[in-house]
Amino acid sequence: MEYLLALIVAVGVGVYLFYALLRPERF
């Protein structure tokens, strides 16, 4: 079950970084 939590966290961080690079004016 830990791998599922790690996957969710990794996807969340990836999406956050993607949006941070896509819209730098918001950060």
PDB file of N, CA and C in Angstrom:
ATOM      1  N   MET A   1       0.828  -1.210   0.000  1.00  0.00           N
ATOM      2  CA  MET A   1       0.000   0.000   0.000  1.00  0.00           C
ATOM      3  C   MET A   1       0.864   1.262   0.000  1.00  0.00           C
ATOM      4  N   GLU A   2       2.076   1.142   0.559  1.00  0.00           N
ATOM      5  CA  GLU A   2       2.942   2.320   0.603  1.00  0.00           C
ATOM      6  C   GLU A   2       3.312   2.806  -0.800  1.00  0.00           C
ATOM      7  N   TYR A   3       3.446   1.859  -1.738  1.00  0.00           N
ATOM      8  CA  TYR A   3       3.827   2.265  -3.094  1.00  0.00           C
ATOM      9  C   TYR A   3       2.733   3.116  -3.732  1.00  0.00           C
ATOM     10  N   LEU A   4       1.480   2.851  -3.391  1.00  0.00           N
ATOM     11  CA  LEU A   4       0.376   3.636  -3.953  1.00  0.00           C
ATOM     12  C   LEU A   4       0.442   5.072  -3.436  1.00  0.00           C
ATOM     13  N   LEU A   5       0.713   5.230  -2.146  1.00  0.00           N
ATOM     14  CA  LEU A   5       0.836   6.569  -1.562  1.00  0.00           C
ATOM     15  C   LEU A   5       2.014   7.313  -2.182  1.00  0.00           C
ATOM     16  N   ALA A   6       3.134   6.607  -2.356  1.00  0.00           N
ATOM     17  CA  ALA A   6       4.314   7.230  -2.960  1.00  0.00           C
ATOM     18  C   ALA A   6       4.014   7.656  -4.394  1.00  0.00           C
ATOM     19  N   LEU A   7       3.259   6.831  -5.120  1.00  0.00           N
ATOM     20  CA  LEU A   7       2.909   7.160  -6.504  1.00  0.00           C
ATOM     21  C   LEU A   7       2.026   8.405  -6.544  1.00  0.00           C
ATOM     22  N   ILE A   8       1.059   8.480  -5.649  1.00  0.00           N
ATOM     23  CA  ILE A   8       0.171   9.645  -5.597  1.00  0.00           C
ATOM     24  C   ILE A   8       0.967  10.914  -5.281  1.00  0.00           C
ATOM     25  N   VAL A   9       1.882  10.814  -4.323  1.00  0.00           N
ATOM     26  CA  VAL A   9       2.712  11.968  -3.957  1.00  0.00           C
ATOM     27  C   VAL A   9       3.595  12.380  -5.135  1.00  0.00           C
ATOM     28  N   ALA A  10       4.189  11.403  -5.818  1.00  0.00           N
ATOM     29  CA  ALA A  10       5.064  11.698  -6.952  1.00  0.00           C
ATOM     30  C   ALA A  10       4.282  12.386  -8.068  1.00  0.00           C
ATOM     31  N   VAL A  11       3.079  11.898  -8.345  1.00  0.00           N
ATOM     32  CA  VAL A  11       2.244  12.504  -9.392  1.00  0.00           C
ATOM     33  C   VAL A  11       1.853  13.929  -8.986  1.00  0.00           C
ATOM     34  N   GLY A  12       1.496  14.107  -7.719  1.00  0.00           N
ATOM     35  CA  GLY A  12       1.117  15.439  -7.248  1.00  0.00           C
ATOM     36  C   GLY A  12       2.261  16.429  -7.372  1.00  0.00           C
ATOM     37  N   VAL A  13       3.448  16.022  -6.962  1.00  0.00           N
ATOM     38  CA  VAL A  13       4.620  16.900  -7.059  1.00  0.00           C
ATOM     39  C   VAL A  13       4.947  17.181  -8.524  1.00  0.00           C
ATOM     40  N   GLY A  14       4.834  16.164  -9.366  1.00  0.00           N
ATOM     41  CA  GLY A  14       5.103  16.336 -10.796  1.00  0.00           C
ATOM     42  C   GLY A  14       4.153  17.345 -11.423  1.00  0.00           C
ATOM     43  N   VAL A  15       2.877  17.237 -11.083  1.00  0.00           N
ATOM     44  CA  VAL A  15       1.881  18.172 -11.623  1.00  0.00           C
ATOM     45  C   VAL A  15       2.148  19.585 -11.110  1.00  0.00           C
ATOM     46  N   TYR A  16       2.497  19.701  -9.824  1.00  0.00           N
ATOM     47  CA  TYR A  16       2.794  21.015  -9.249  1.00  0.00           C
ATOM     48  C   TYR A  16       3.987  21.663  -9.961  1.00  0.00           C
ATOM     49  N   LEU A  17       5.043  20.879 -10.180  1.00  0.00           N
ATOM     50  CA  LEU A  17       6.218  21.413 -10.863  1.00  0.00           C
ATOM     51  C   LEU A  17       5.892  21.754 -12.308  1.00  0.00           C
ATOM     52  N   PHE A  18       5.053  20.931 -12.956  1.00  0.00           N
ATOM     53  CA  PHE A  18       4.652  21.200 -14.342  1.00  0.00           C
ATOM     54  C   PHE A  18       3.937  22.543 -14.431  1.00  0.00           C
ATOM     55  N   TYR A  19       2.988  22.783 -13.522  1.00  0.00           N
ATOM     56  CA  TYR A  19       2.269  24.056 -13.540  1.00  0.00           C
ATOM     57  C   TYR A  19       3.182  25.214 -13.156  1.00  0.00           C
ATOM     58  N   ALA A  20       4.140  24.970 -12.254  1.00  0.00           N
ATOM     59  CA  ALA A  20       5.077  26.022 -11.859  1.00  0.00           C
ATOM     60  C   ALA A  20       5.929  26.450 -13.055  1.00  0.00           C
ATOM     61  N   LEU A  21       6.314  25.495 -13.901  1.00  0.00           N
ATOM     62  CA  LEU A  21       7.100  25.823 -15.089  1.00  0.00           C
ATOM     63  C   LEU A  21       6.219  26.423 -16.173  1.00  0.00           C
ATOM     64  N   LEU A  22       4.953  25.972 -16.233  1.00  0.00           N
ATOM     65  CA  LEU A  22       4.042  26.452 -17.268  1.00  0.00           C
ATOM     66  C   LEU A  22       3.577  27.877 -16.974  1.00  0.00           C
ATOM     67  N   ARG A  23       3.325  28.180 -15.691  1.00  0.00           N
ATOM     68  CA  ARG A  23       2.826  29.504 -15.304  1.00  0.00           C
ATOM     69  C   ARG A  23       3.720  30.094 -14.203  1.00  0.00           C
ATOM     70  N   PRO A  24       4.935  30.520 -14.535  1.00  0.00           N
ATOM     71  CA  PRO A  24       5.856  31.040 -13.513  1.00  0.00           C
ATOM     72  C   PRO A  24       5.372  32.347 -12.889  1.00  0.00           C
ATOM     73  N   GLU A  25       4.474  33.069 -13.565  1.00  0.00           N
ATOM     74  CA  GLU A  25       4.019  34.342 -13.011  1.00  0.00           C
ATOM     75  C   GLU A  25       3.144  34.159 -11.773  1.00  0.00           C
ATOM     76  N   ARG A  26       2.637  32.945 -11.559  1.00  0.00           N
ATOM     77  CA  ARG A  26       1.784  32.695 -10.400  1.00  0.00           C
ATOM     78  C   ARG A  26       2.589  32.367  -9.146  1.00  0.00           C
ATOM     79  N   PHE A  27       3.914  32.202  -9.300  1.00  0.00           N
ATOM     80  CA  PHE A  27       4.720  31.797  -8.144  1.00  0.00           C
ATOM     81  C   PHE A  27       5.753  32.866  -7.780  1.00  0.00           C
TER      82      PHE A  27
END
